[in-house]
Protein backbone atom coordinates (compact mmCIF):
# COMPACT_ATOMS: atom_id res chain seq x y z
CA UNK A 1 0.00 0.00 0.00
CA UNK A 2 1.40 3.37 -1.00
CA UNK A 3 -0.76 6.19 0.28
CA UNK A 4 1.09 8.90 -1.65
CA UNK A 5 3.33 9.90 -3.52
CA UNK A 6 4.28 7.17 -5.97
CA UNK A 7 5.46 6.51 -9.48
CA UNK A 8 5.69 3.62 -11.93
CA UNK A 9 8.88 3.42 -13.96
CA UNK A 10 10.24 1.47 -16.91
CA UNK A 11 13.97 0.97 -17.36
CA UNK A 12 14.24 4.34 -19.13
CA UNK A 13 11.35 6.61 -18.07
CA UNK A 14 8.63 7.44 -15.55
CA UNK A 15 5.42 6.00 -17.01
CA UNK A 16 3.04 7.70 -14.58
CA UNK A 17 2.81 8.85 -11.00
CA UNK A 18 0.56 10.27 -8.34
CA UNK A 19 0.75 13.72 -9.95
CA UNK A 20 0.18 12.47 -13.52
CA UNK A 21 -3.10 12.96 -15.35
CA UNK A 22 -5.40 10.27 -13.92
CA UNK A 23 -6.68 9.40 -17.39
CA UNK A 24 -3.40 7.57 -18.05
CA UNK A 25 -3.33 5.60 -14.79
CA UNK A 26 -5.56 2.70 -15.88
CA UNK A 27 -3.40 1.64 -18.82
CA UNK A 28 -0.16 1.69 -16.81
CA UNK A 29 -1.65 0.18 -13.64
CA UNK A 30 -3.34 -2.60 -15.64
CA UNK A 31 0.05 -3.43 -17.17
CA UNK A 32 1.22 -4.40 -13.65
CA UNK A 33 -1.37 -7.18 -13.32
CA UNK A 34 0.19 -10.64 -13.47
CA UNK A 35 3.77 -9.45 -13.01
CA UNK A 36 5.84 -11.05 -10.28
CA UNK A 37 7.79 -9.19 -7.62
CA UNK A 38 11.51 -9.69 -8.25
CA UNK A 39 12.89 -7.48 -5.49
CA UNK A 40 11.79 -5.11 -2.75
CA UNK A 41 14.31 -2.61 -1.44
CA UNK A 42 14.47 0.53 0.67
CA UNK A 43 16.22 3.75 -0.26
CA UNK A 44 16.73 7.19 1.26
CA UNK A 45 17.49 8.53 4.71
CA UNK A 46 13.79 8.24 5.55
CA UNK A 47 13.01 4.80 4.12
CA UNK A 48 11.13 4.80 0.85
CA UNK A 49 10.05 1.68 -1.01
CA UNK A 50 11.18 0.39 -4.41
CA UNK A 51 9.53 -2.70 -5.91
CA UNK A 52 11.07 -4.34 -8.99
CA UNK A 53 8.60 -6.32 -11.13
CA UNK A 54 9.16 -8.75 -13.98
CA UNK A 55 9.27 -7.14 -17.40
CA UNK A 56 11.43 -4.21 -16.30
CA UNK A 57 8.79 -2.24 -14.41
CA UNK A 58 9.24 -0.63 -10.99
CA UNK A 59 6.94 0.94 -8.41
CA UNK A 60 8.46 3.51 -6.05
CA UNK A 61 7.18 5.55 -3.12
CA UNK A 62 8.48 9.03 -2.33
CA UNK A 63 6.60 11.14 0.19
CA UNK A 64 6.51 14.84 -0.71
CA UNK A 65 4.61 16.22 2.31
CA UNK A 66 5.37 16.62 6.01
CA UNK A 67 5.50 13.54 8.20
CA UNK A 68 6.61 10.03 7.42
CA UNK A 69 6.88 8.01 4.22
CA UNK A 70 3.34 6.73 3.67
CA UNK A 71 3.66 3.07 2.68
CA UNK A 72 2.93 -0.29 4.33
CA UNK A 73 3.68 -3.86 3.28
CA UNK A 74 1.11 -6.41 4.51
CA UNK A 75 1.63 -10.17 4.85
CA UNK A 76 -1.78 -11.80 4.63
CA UNK A 77 -1.65 -15.58 4.37
CA UNK A 78 -4.99 -17.34 3.93
CA UNK A 79 -4.20 -19.78 6.74
CA UNK A 80 -3.07 -17.10 9.20
CA UNK A 81 -5.26 -15.63 11.92
CA UNK A 82 -3.16 -12.45 11.94
CA UNK A 83 -1.77 -10.07 9.35
CA UNK A 84 1.82 -8.92 9.67
CA UNK A 85 3.01 -5.57 8.37
CA UNK A 86 6.00 -3.28 8.12
CA UNK A 87 5.87 0.51 7.81
CA UNK A 88 7.82 3.64 8.73
CA UNK A 89 7.36 5.34 12.11
CA UNK A 90 9.62 8.09 13.42
CA UNK A 91 11.94 7.55 10.47
CA UNK A 92 12.51 3.86 11.19
CA UNK A 93 11.13 0.57 9.88
CA UNK A 94 8.62 -0.93 12.33
CA UNK A 95 6.76 -4.22 12.22
CA UNK A 96 3.54 -5.36 13.78
CA UNK A 97 0.66 -7.84 13.80
CA UNK A 98 -3.07 -7.32 13.68
CA UNK A 99 -5.86 -9.84 14.15
CA UNK A 100 -7.92 -10.67 11.07
CA UNK A 101 -11.67 -10.49 11.52
PDB file of N, CA and C in Angstrom:
ATOM      1  N   UNK A   1       0.854  -1.161   0.000  1.00  0.00           N
ATOM      2  CA  UNK A   1       0.000   0.000   0.000  1.00  0.00           C
ATOM      3  C   UNK A   1       0.901   1.225   0.000  1.00  0.00           C
ATOM      4  N   UNK A   2       0.710   2.081  -0.965  1.00  0.00           N
ATOM      5  CA  UNK A   2       1.401   3.370  -0.998  1.00  0.00           C
ATOM      6  C   UNK A   2       0.322   4.438  -0.972  1.00  0.00           C
ATOM      7  N   UNK A   3       0.278   5.179   0.137  1.00  0.00           N
ATOM      8  CA  UNK A   3      -0.761   6.192   0.281  1.00  0.00           C
ATOM      9  C   UNK A   3      -0.520   7.343  -0.685  1.00  0.00           C
ATOM     10  N   UNK A   4       0.647   7.916  -0.674  1.00  0.00           N
ATOM     11  CA  UNK A   4       1.091   8.904  -1.654  1.00  0.00           C
ATOM     12  C   UNK A   4       2.528   9.145  -1.422  1.00  0.00           C
ATOM     13  N   UNK A   5       3.271   9.771  -2.090  1.00  0.00           N
ATOM     14  CA  UNK A   5       3.331   9.898  -3.524  1.00  0.00           C
ATOM     15  C   UNK A   5       3.994   8.643  -4.092  1.00  0.00           C
ATOM     16  N   UNK A   6       3.781   8.387  -5.354  1.00  0.00           N
ATOM     17  CA  UNK A   6       4.279   7.166  -5.971  1.00  0.00           C
ATOM     18  C   UNK A   6       4.529   7.417  -7.447  1.00  0.00           C
ATOM     19  N   UNK A   7       5.301   6.485  -8.032  1.00  0.00           N
ATOM     20  CA  UNK A   7       5.462   6.514  -9.477  1.00  0.00           C
ATOM     21  C   UNK A   7       5.742   5.105  -9.977  1.00  0.00           C
ATOM     22  N   UNK A   8       5.425   4.883 -11.257  1.00  0.00           N
ATOM     23  CA  UNK A   8       5.691   3.617 -11.925  1.00  0.00           C
ATOM     24  C   UNK A   8       6.688   3.925 -13.030  1.00  0.00           C
ATOM     25  N   UNK A   9       7.777   3.153 -13.047  1.00  0.00           N
ATOM     26  CA  UNK A   9       8.876   3.416 -13.964  1.00  0.00           C
ATOM     27  C   UNK A   9       9.134   2.221 -14.866  1.00  0.00           C
ATOM     28  N   UNK A  10       9.639   2.506 -16.066  1.00  0.00           N
ATOM     29  CA  UNK A  10      10.236   1.472 -16.913  1.00  0.00           C
ATOM     30  C   UNK A  10      11.745   1.587 -16.690  1.00  0.00           C
ATOM     31  N   UNK A  11      12.522   0.881 -17.478  1.00  0.00           N
ATOM     32  CA  UNK A  11      13.975   0.975 -17.363  1.00  0.00           C
ATOM     33  C   UNK A  11      14.479   2.373 -17.737  1.00  0.00           C
ATOM     34  N   UNK A  12      13.722   3.105 -18.569  1.00  0.00           N
ATOM     35  CA  UNK A  12      14.239   4.344 -19.129  1.00  0.00           C
ATOM     36  C   UNK A  12      13.398   5.587 -18.867  1.00  0.00           C
ATOM     37  N   UNK A  13      12.213   5.434 -18.228  1.00  0.00           N
ATOM     38  CA  UNK A  13      11.349   6.605 -18.069  1.00  0.00           C
ATOM     39  C   UNK A  13      10.328   6.392 -16.961  1.00  0.00           C
ATOM     40  N   UNK A  14       9.768   7.492 -16.468  1.00  0.00           N
ATOM     41  CA  UNK A  14       8.629   7.443 -15.548  1.00  0.00           C
ATOM     42  C   UNK A  14       7.385   7.310 -16.418  1.00  0.00           C
ATOM     43  N   UNK A  15       6.613   6.245 -16.199  1.00  0.00           N
ATOM     44  CA  UNK A  15       5.417   5.996 -17.005  1.00  0.00           C
ATOM     45  C   UNK A  15       4.216   6.775 -16.498  1.00  0.00           C
ATOM     46  N   UNK A  16       4.071   6.870 -15.187  1.00  0.00           N
ATOM     47  CA  UNK A  16       3.037   7.695 -14.581  1.00  0.00           C
ATOM     48  C   UNK A  16       3.314   7.775 -13.090  1.00  0.00           C
ATOM     49  N   UNK A  17       2.626   8.679 -12.436  1.00  0.00           N
ATOM     50  CA  UNK A  17       2.807   8.852 -11.003  1.00  0.00           C
ATOM     51  C   UNK A  17       1.607   9.523 -10.388  1.00  0.00           C
ATOM     52  N   UNK A  18       1.691   9.722  -9.086  1.00  0.00           N
ATOM     53  CA  UNK A  18       0.560  10.266  -8.344  1.00  0.00           C
ATOM     54  C   UNK A  18       0.187  11.681  -8.773  1.00  0.00           C
ATOM     55  N   UNK A  19       1.076  12.384  -9.457  1.00  0.00           N
ATOM     56  CA  UNK A  19       0.752  13.721  -9.950  1.00  0.00           C
ATOM     57  C   UNK A  19       0.488  13.724 -11.450  1.00  0.00           C
ATOM     58  N   UNK A  20       0.490  12.558 -12.091  1.00  0.00           N
ATOM     59  CA  UNK A  20       0.176  12.471 -13.519  1.00  0.00           C
ATOM     60  C   UNK A  20      -1.324  12.629 -13.735  1.00  0.00           C
ATOM     61  N   UNK A  21      -1.694  12.893 -14.976  1.00  0.00           N
ATOM     62  CA  UNK A  21      -3.100  12.955 -15.353  1.00  0.00           C
ATOM     63  C   UNK A  21      -3.725  11.587 -15.103  1.00  0.00           C
ATOM     64  N   UNK A  22      -4.769  11.537 -14.310  1.00  0.00           N
ATOM     65  CA  UNK A  22      -5.401  10.272 -13.917  1.00  0.00           C
ATOM     66  C   UNK A  22      -5.926   9.474 -15.108  1.00  0.00           C
ATOM     67  N   UNK A  23      -6.175  10.110 -16.216  1.00  0.00           N
ATOM     68  CA  UNK A  23      -6.680   9.401 -17.394  1.00  0.00           C
ATOM     69  C   UNK A  23      -5.685   8.351 -17.882  1.00  0.00           C
ATOM     70  N   UNK A  24      -4.400   8.526 -17.608  1.00  0.00           N
ATOM     71  CA  UNK A  24      -3.397   7.568 -18.047  1.00  0.00           C
ATOM     72  C   UNK A  24      -3.094   6.470 -17.047  1.00  0.00           C
ATOM     73  N   UNK A  25      -3.625   6.571 -15.845  1.00  0.00           N
ATOM     74  CA  UNK A  25      -3.327   5.603 -14.790  1.00  0.00           C
ATOM     75  C   UNK A  25      -3.780   4.187 -15.140  1.00  0.00           C
ATOM     76  N   UNK A  26      -5.002   4.039 -15.643  1.00  0.00           N
ATOM     77  CA  UNK A  26      -5.560   2.702 -15.879  1.00  0.00           C
ATOM     78  C   UNK A  26      -4.662   1.856 -16.770  1.00  0.00           C
ATOM     79  N   UNK A  27      -4.222   2.407 -17.883  1.00  0.00           N
ATOM     80  CA  UNK A  27      -3.405   1.644 -18.821  1.00  0.00           C
ATOM     81  C   UNK A  27      -2.119   1.170 -18.143  1.00  0.00           C
ATOM     82  N   UNK A  28      -1.432   2.057 -17.445  1.00  0.00           N
ATOM     83  CA  UNK A  28      -0.165   1.692 -16.812  1.00  0.00           C
ATOM     84  C   UNK A  28      -0.401   0.749 -15.635  1.00  0.00           C
ATOM     85  N   UNK A  29      -1.375   1.042 -14.791  1.00  0.00           N
ATOM     86  CA  UNK A  29      -1.650   0.179 -13.635  1.00  0.00           C
ATOM     87  C   UNK A  29      -2.102  -1.202 -14.084  1.00  0.00           C
ATOM     88  N   UNK A  30      -2.912  -1.295 -15.129  1.00  0.00           N
ATOM     89  CA  UNK A  30      -3.337  -2.595 -15.644  1.00  0.00           C
ATOM     90  C   UNK A  30      -2.167  -3.402 -16.184  1.00  0.00           C
ATOM     91  N   UNK A  31      -1.125  -2.716 -16.655  1.00  0.00           N
ATOM     92  CA  UNK A  31       0.047  -3.434 -17.168  1.00  0.00           C
ATOM     93  C   UNK A  31       0.837  -4.105 -16.041  1.00  0.00           C
ATOM     94  N   UNK A  32       0.548  -3.770 -14.793  1.00  0.00           N
ATOM     95  CA  UNK A  32       1.221  -4.399 -13.653  1.00  0.00           C
ATOM     96  C   UNK A  32       0.593  -5.747 -13.291  1.00  0.00           C
ATOM     97  N   UNK A  33      -0.653  -5.965 -13.687  1.00  0.00           N
ATOM     98  CA  UNK A  33      -1.370  -7.184 -13.318  1.00  0.00           C
ATOM     99  C   UNK A  33      -0.669  -8.405 -13.907  1.00  0.00           C
ATOM    100  N   UNK A  34      -0.432  -9.395 -13.048  1.00  0.00           N
ATOM    101  CA  UNK A  34       0.193 -10.637 -13.474  1.00  0.00           C
ATOM    102  C   UNK A  34       1.711 -10.640 -13.388  1.00  0.00           C
ATOM    103  N   UNK A  35       2.308  -9.498 -13.148  1.00  0.00           N
ATOM    104  CA  UNK A  35       3.768  -9.452 -13.008  1.00  0.00           C
ATOM    105  C   UNK A  35       4.159  -9.965 -11.633  1.00  0.00           C
ATOM    106  N   UNK A  36       5.338 -10.536 -11.546  1.00  0.00           N
ATOM    107  CA  UNK A  36       5.840 -11.054 -10.276  1.00  0.00           C
ATOM    108  C   UNK A  36       6.817 -10.066  -9.664  1.00  0.00           C
ATOM    109  N   UNK A  37       6.841 -10.040  -8.343  1.00  0.00           N
ATOM    110  CA  UNK A  37       7.792  -9.194  -7.617  1.00  0.00           C
ATOM    111  C   UNK A  37       9.149  -9.875  -7.667  1.00  0.00           C
ATOM    112  N   UNK A  38      10.145  -9.164  -8.183  1.00  0.00           N
ATOM    113  CA  UNK A  38      11.506  -9.691  -8.245  1.00  0.00           C
ATOM    114  C   UNK A  38      12.345  -9.232  -7.067  1.00  0.00           C
ATOM    115  N   UNK A  39      12.080  -8.023  -6.574  1.00  0.00           N
ATOM    116  CA  UNK A  39      12.890  -7.477  -5.490  1.00  0.00           C
ATOM    117  C   UNK A  39      12.110  -6.358  -4.805  1.00  0.00           C
ATOM    118  N   UNK A  40      12.314  -6.235  -3.518  1.00  0.00           N
ATOM    119  CA  UNK A  40      11.788  -5.113  -2.749  1.00  0.00           C
ATOM    120  C   UNK A  40      12.970  -4.531  -1.997  1.00  0.00           C
ATOM    121  N   UNK A  41      13.183  -3.237  -2.129  1.00  0.00           N
ATOM    122  CA  UNK A  41      14.305  -2.610  -1.443  1.00  0.00           C
ATOM    123  C   UNK A  41      13.883  -1.263  -0.875  1.00  0.00           C
ATOM    124  N   UNK A  42      14.691  -0.775   0.045  1.00  0.00           N
ATOM    125  CA  UNK A  42      14.472   0.526   0.671  1.00  0.00           C
ATOM    126  C   UNK A  42      15.566   1.471   0.214  1.00  0.00           C
ATOM    127  N   UNK A  43      15.217   2.748   0.097  1.00  0.00           N
ATOM    128  CA  UNK A  43      16.220   3.751  -0.263  1.00  0.00           C
ATOM    129  C   UNK A  43      15.905   5.045   0.469  1.00  0.00           C
ATOM    130  N   UNK A  44      16.902   5.891   0.638  1.00  0.00           N
ATOM    131  CA  UNK A  44      16.726   7.195   1.260  1.00  0.00           C
ATOM    132  C   UNK A  44      16.979   7.185   2.753  1.00  0.00           C
ATOM    133  N   UNK A  45      17.264   8.366   3.271  1.00  0.00           N
ATOM    134  CA  UNK A  45      17.490   8.526   4.711  1.00  0.00           C
ATOM    135  C   UNK A  45      16.241   8.194   5.501  1.00  0.00           C
ATOM    136  N   UNK A  46      15.088   8.675   5.036  1.00  0.00           N
ATOM    137  CA  UNK A  46      13.791   8.241   5.554  1.00  0.00           C
ATOM    138  C   UNK A  46      13.317   7.171   4.586  1.00  0.00           C
ATOM    139  N   UNK A  47      13.168   5.933   5.038  1.00  0.00           N
ATOM    140  CA  UNK A  47      13.014   4.801   4.119  1.00  0.00           C
ATOM    141  C   UNK A  47      11.819   4.892   3.177  1.00  0.00           C
ATOM    142  N   UNK A  48      12.135   4.892   1.896  1.00  0.00           N
ATOM    143  CA  UNK A  48      11.130   4.796   0.850  1.00  0.00           C
ATOM    144  C   UNK A  48      11.229   3.412   0.232  1.00  0.00           C
ATOM    145  N   UNK A  49      10.209   3.025  -0.490  1.00  0.00           N
ATOM    146  CA  UNK A  49      10.052   1.678  -1.007  1.00  0.00           C
ATOM    147  C   UNK A  49      10.276   1.640  -2.517  1.00  0.00           C
ATOM    148  N   UNK A  50      11.016   0.631  -2.983  1.00  0.00           N
ATOM    149  CA  UNK A  50      11.184   0.389  -4.412  1.00  0.00           C
ATOM    150  C   UNK A  50      10.875  -1.081  -4.677  1.00  0.00           C
ATOM    151  N   UNK A  51       9.951  -1.336  -5.583  1.00  0.00           N
ATOM    152  CA  UNK A  51       9.532  -2.697  -5.905  1.00  0.00           C
ATOM    153  C   UNK A  51       9.857  -2.957  -7.377  1.00  0.00           C
ATOM    154  N   UNK A  52      10.719  -3.954  -7.627  1.00  0.00           N
ATOM    155  CA  UNK A  52      11.069  -4.345  -8.995  1.00  0.00           C
ATOM    156  C   UNK A  52      10.148  -5.483  -9.418  1.00  0.00           C
ATOM    157  N   UNK A  53       9.522  -5.317 -10.585  1.00  0.00           N
ATOM    158  CA  UNK A  53       8.605  -6.323 -11.126  1.00  0.00           C
ATOM    159  C   UNK A  53       9.203  -6.949 -12.381  1.00  0.00           C
ATOM    160  N   UNK A  54       8.713  -8.140 -12.734  1.00  0.00           N
ATOM    161  CA  UNK A  54       9.156  -8.750 -13.980  1.00  0.00           C
ATOM    162  C   UNK A  54       8.785  -7.835 -15.144  1.00  0.00           C
ATOM    163  N   UNK A  55       9.549  -7.960 -16.219  1.00  0.00           N
ATOM    164  CA  UNK A  55       9.272  -7.144 -17.405  1.00  0.00           C
ATOM    165  C   UNK A  55       9.863  -5.755 -17.330  1.00  0.00           C
ATOM    166  N   UNK A  56      10.752  -5.499 -16.362  1.00  0.00           N
ATOM    167  CA  UNK A  56      11.434  -4.210 -16.299  1.00  0.00           C
ATOM    168  C   UNK A  56      10.588  -3.050 -15.820  1.00  0.00           C
ATOM    169  N   UNK A  57       9.588  -3.319 -14.991  1.00  0.00           N
ATOM    170  CA  UNK A  57       8.791  -2.235 -14.405  1.00  0.00           C
ATOM    171  C   UNK A  57       9.089  -2.126 -12.919  1.00  0.00           C
ATOM    172  N   UNK A  58       8.925  -0.917 -12.387  1.00  0.00           N
ATOM    173  CA  UNK A  58       9.239  -0.627 -10.994  1.00  0.00           C
ATOM    174  C   UNK A  58       8.156   0.266 -10.414  1.00  0.00           C
ATOM    175  N   UNK A  59       7.868   0.073  -9.136  1.00  0.00           N
ATOM    176  CA  UNK A  59       6.942   0.942  -8.406  1.00  0.00           C
ATOM    177  C   UNK A  59       7.747   1.533  -7.251  1.00  0.00           C
ATOM    178  N   UNK A  60       7.684   2.845  -7.098  1.00  0.00           N
ATOM    179  CA  UNK A  60       8.456   3.511  -6.047  1.00  0.00           C
ATOM    180  C   UNK A  60       7.571   4.471  -5.267  1.00  0.00           C
ATOM    181  N   UNK A  61       7.826   4.547  -3.968  1.00  0.00           N
ATOM    182  CA  UNK A  61       7.177   5.555  -3.118  1.00  0.00           C
ATOM    183  C   UNK A  61       8.159   6.702  -2.918  1.00  0.00           C
ATOM    184  N   UNK A  62       7.634   7.898  -2.698  1.00  0.00           N
ATOM    185  CA  UNK A  62       8.483   9.034  -2.329  1.00  0.00           C
ATOM    186  C   UNK A  62       7.590  10.145  -1.782  1.00  0.00           C
ATOM    187  N   UNK A  63       7.465  10.173  -0.479  1.00  0.00           N
ATOM    188  CA  UNK A  63       6.598  11.143   0.193  1.00  0.00           C
ATOM    189  C   UNK A  63       7.082  12.559  -0.088  1.00  0.00           C
ATOM    190  N   UNK A  64       6.150  13.448  -0.394  1.00  0.00           N
ATOM    191  CA  UNK A  64       6.511  14.839  -0.705  1.00  0.00           C
ATOM    192  C   UNK A  64       5.852  15.838   0.245  1.00  0.00           C
ATOM    193  N   UNK A  65       5.259  15.347   1.320  1.00  0.00           N
ATOM    194  CA  UNK A  65       4.612  16.223   2.308  1.00  0.00           C
ATOM    195  C   UNK A  65       5.234  15.964   3.681  1.00  0.00           C
ATOM    196  N   UNK A  66       4.848  16.762   4.655  1.00  0.00           N
ATOM    197  CA  UNK A  66       5.368  16.617   6.005  1.00  0.00           C
ATOM    198  C   UNK A  66       4.998  15.259   6.579  1.00  0.00           C
ATOM    199  N   UNK A  67       5.812  14.780   7.511  1.00  0.00           N
ATOM    200  CA  UNK A  67       5.499  13.537   8.202  1.00  0.00           C
ATOM    201  C   UNK A  67       6.420  12.408   7.828  1.00  0.00           C
ATOM    202  N   UNK A  68       5.865  11.250   7.685  1.00  0.00           N
ATOM    203  CA  UNK A  68       6.614  10.028   7.424  1.00  0.00           C
ATOM    204  C   UNK A  68       6.311   9.499   6.024  1.00  0.00           C
ATOM    205  N   UNK A  69       7.230   8.707   5.456  1.00  0.00           N
ATOM    206  CA  UNK A  69       6.879   8.009   4.221  1.00  0.00           C
ATOM    207  C   UNK A  69       5.587   7.220   4.441  1.00  0.00           C
ATOM    208  N   UNK A  70       4.685   7.276   3.476  1.00  0.00           N
ATOM    209  CA  UNK A  70       3.336   6.727   3.666  1.00  0.00           C
ATOM    210  C   UNK A  70       3.148   5.446   2.867  1.00  0.00           C
ATOM    211  N   UNK A  71       3.820   4.376   3.309  1.00  0.00           N
ATOM    212  CA  UNK A  71       3.655   3.071   2.682  1.00  0.00           C
ATOM    213  C   UNK A  71       3.610   2.012   3.771  1.00  0.00           C
ATOM    214  N   UNK A  72       2.996   0.871   3.443  1.00  0.00           N
ATOM    215  CA  UNK A  72       2.928  -0.291   4.332  1.00  0.00           C
ATOM    216  C   UNK A  72       2.979  -1.538   3.476  1.00  0.00           C
ATOM    217  N   UNK A  73       3.701  -2.544   3.923  1.00  0.00           N
ATOM    218  CA  UNK A  73       3.676  -3.862   3.284  1.00  0.00           C
ATOM    219  C   UNK A  73       2.948  -4.798   4.233  1.00  0.00           C
ATOM    220  N   UNK A  74       1.891  -5.454   3.724  1.00  0.00           N
ATOM    221  CA  UNK A  74       1.107  -6.405   4.510  1.00  0.00           C
ATOM    222  C   UNK A  74       1.474  -7.830   4.128  1.00  0.00           C
ATOM    223  N   UNK A  75       1.436  -8.736   5.090  1.00  0.00           N
ATOM    224  CA  UNK A  75       1.626 -10.165   4.853  1.00  0.00           C
ATOM    225  C   UNK A  75       0.347 -10.848   5.295  1.00  0.00           C
ATOM    226  N   UNK A  76      -0.486 -11.193   4.320  1.00  0.00           N
ATOM    227  CA  UNK A  76      -1.780 -11.798   4.627  1.00  0.00           C
ATOM    228  C   UNK A  76      -1.866 -13.192   4.028  1.00  0.00           C
ATOM    229  N   UNK A  77      -1.510 -14.195   4.814  1.00  0.00           N
ATOM    230  CA  UNK A  77      -1.654 -15.576   4.368  1.00  0.00           C
ATOM    231  C   UNK A  77      -3.056 -16.069   4.655  1.00  0.00           C
ATOM    232  N   UNK A  78      -3.619 -16.850   3.763  1.00  0.00           N
ATOM    233  CA  UNK A  78      -4.989 -17.341   3.930  1.00  0.00           C
ATOM    234  C   UNK A  78      -5.151 -18.177   5.191  1.00  0.00           C
ATOM    235  N   UNK A  79      -4.095 -18.903   5.580  1.00  0.00           N
ATOM    236  CA  UNK A  79      -4.197 -19.781   6.744  1.00  0.00           C
ATOM    237  C   UNK A  79      -3.878 -19.060   8.059  1.00  0.00           C
ATOM    238  N   UNK A  80      -3.453 -17.838   7.993  1.00  0.00           N
ATOM    239  CA  UNK A  80      -3.072 -17.101   9.199  1.00  0.00           C
ATOM    240  C   UNK A  80      -4.278 -16.447   9.860  1.00  0.00           C
ATOM    241  N   UNK A  81      -4.226 -16.335  11.167  1.00  0.00           N
ATOM    242  CA  UNK A  81      -5.256 -15.629  11.923  1.00  0.00           C
ATOM    243  C   UNK A  81      -4.865 -14.173  12.166  1.00  0.00           C
ATOM    244  N   UNK A  82      -3.632 -13.824  11.788  1.00  0.00           N
ATOM    245  CA  UNK A  82      -3.159 -12.451  11.943  1.00  0.00           C
ATOM    246  C   UNK A  82      -2.542 -11.979  10.633  1.00  0.00           C
ATOM    247  N   UNK A  83      -2.418 -10.677  10.507  1.00  0.00           N
ATOM    248  CA  UNK A  83      -1.769 -10.070   9.354  1.00  0.00           C
ATOM    249  C   UNK A  83      -0.549  -9.317   9.859  1.00  0.00           C
ATOM    250  N   UNK A  84       0.613  -9.650   9.315  1.00  0.00           N
ATOM    251  CA  UNK A  84       1.819  -8.919   9.674  1.00  0.00           C
ATOM    252  C   UNK A  84       1.990  -7.722   8.757  1.00  0.00           C
ATOM    253  N   UNK A  85       2.745  -6.733   9.211  1.00  0.00           N
ATOM    254  CA  UNK A  85       3.008  -5.572   8.368  1.00  0.00           C
ATOM    255  C   UNK A  85       4.312  -4.908   8.768  1.00  0.00           C
ATOM    256  N   UNK A  86       4.883  -4.167   7.830  1.00  0.00           N
ATOM    257  CA  UNK A  86       5.998  -3.276   8.120  1.00  0.00           C
ATOM    258  C   UNK A  86       5.647  -1.912   7.539  1.00  0.00           C
ATOM    259  N   UNK A  87       6.127  -0.870   8.220  1.00  0.00           N
ATOM    260  CA  UNK A  87       5.875   0.506   7.815  1.00  0.00           C
ATOM    261  C   UNK A  87       6.940   1.395   8.434  1.00  0.00           C
ATOM    262  N   UNK A  88       6.872   2.683   8.167  1.00  0.00           N
ATOM    263  CA  UNK A  88       7.822   3.637   8.733  1.00  0.00           C
ATOM    264  C   UNK A  88       7.137   4.429   9.837  1.00  0.00           C
ATOM    265  N   UNK A  89       7.804   4.494  10.995  1.00  0.00           N
ATOM    266  CA  UNK A  89       7.363   5.343  12.109  1.00  0.00           C
ATOM    267  C   UNK A  89       8.590   6.031  12.681  1.00  0.00           C
ATOM    268  N   UNK A  90       8.501   7.308  12.882  1.00  0.00           N
ATOM    269  CA  UNK A  90       9.618   8.088  13.422  1.00  0.00           C
ATOM    270  C   UNK A  90      10.906   7.851  12.645  1.00  0.00           C
ATOM    271  N   UNK A  91      10.785   7.701  11.330  1.00  0.00           N
ATOM    272  CA  UNK A  91      11.940   7.554  10.467  1.00  0.00           C
ATOM    273  C   UNK A  91      12.577   6.186  10.463  1.00  0.00           C
ATOM    274  N   UNK A  92      11.953   5.205  11.103  1.00  0.00           N
ATOM    275  CA  UNK A  92      12.509   3.857  11.193  1.00  0.00           C
ATOM    276  C   UNK A  92      11.488   2.819  10.741  1.00  0.00           C
ATOM    277  N   UNK A  93      12.000   1.685  10.276  1.00  0.00           N
ATOM    278  CA  UNK A  93      11.134   0.572   9.885  1.00  0.00           C
ATOM    279  C   UNK A  93      10.587  -0.090  11.141  1.00  0.00           C
ATOM    280  N   UNK A  94       9.284  -0.279  11.197  1.00  0.00           N
ATOM    281  CA  UNK A  94       8.618  -0.932  12.329  1.00  0.00           C
ATOM    282  C   UNK A  94       7.776  -2.082  11.791  1.00  0.00           C
ATOM    283  N   UNK A  95       7.598  -3.108  12.610  1.00  0.00           N
ATOM    284  CA  UNK A  95       6.756  -4.224  12.217  1.00  0.00           C
ATOM    285  C   UNK A  95       5.692  -4.446  13.264  1.00  0.00           C
ATOM    286  N   UNK A  96       4.628  -5.097  12.863  1.00  0.00           N
ATOM    287  CA  UNK A  96       3.539  -5.362  13.785  1.00  0.00           C
ATOM    288  C   UNK A  96       2.631  -6.466  13.280  1.00  0.00           C
ATOM    289  N   UNK A  97       1.686  -6.839  14.119  1.00  0.00           N
ATOM    290  CA  UNK A  97       0.664  -7.842  13.799  1.00  0.00           C
ATOM    291  C   UNK A  97      -0.698  -7.275  14.117  1.00  0.00           C
ATOM    292  N   UNK A  98      -1.690  -7.669  13.352  1.00  0.00           N
ATOM    293  CA  UNK A  98      -3.066  -7.320  13.684  1.00  0.00           C
ATOM    294  C   UNK A  98      -3.934  -8.545  13.450  1.00  0.00           C
ATOM    295  N   UNK A  99      -4.935  -8.702  14.274  1.00  0.00           N
ATOM    296  CA  UNK A  99      -5.861  -9.844  14.145  1.00  0.00           C
ATOM    297  C   UNK A  99      -6.753  -9.642  12.938  1.00  0.00           C
ATOM    298  N   UNK A 100      -7.002 -10.715  12.208  1.00  0.00           N
ATOM    299  CA  UNK A 100      -7.917 -10.665  11.070  1.00  0.00           C
ATOM    300  C   UNK A 100      -9.323 -10.973  11.577  1.00  0.00           C
ATOM    301  N   UNK A 101     -10.297 -10.256  11.069  1.00  0.00           N
ATOM    302  CA  UNK A 101     -11.672 -10.490  11.521  1.00  0.00           C
ATOM    303  C   UNK A 101     -12.423 -11.370  10.573  1.00  0.00           C
TER     304      UNK A 101
END
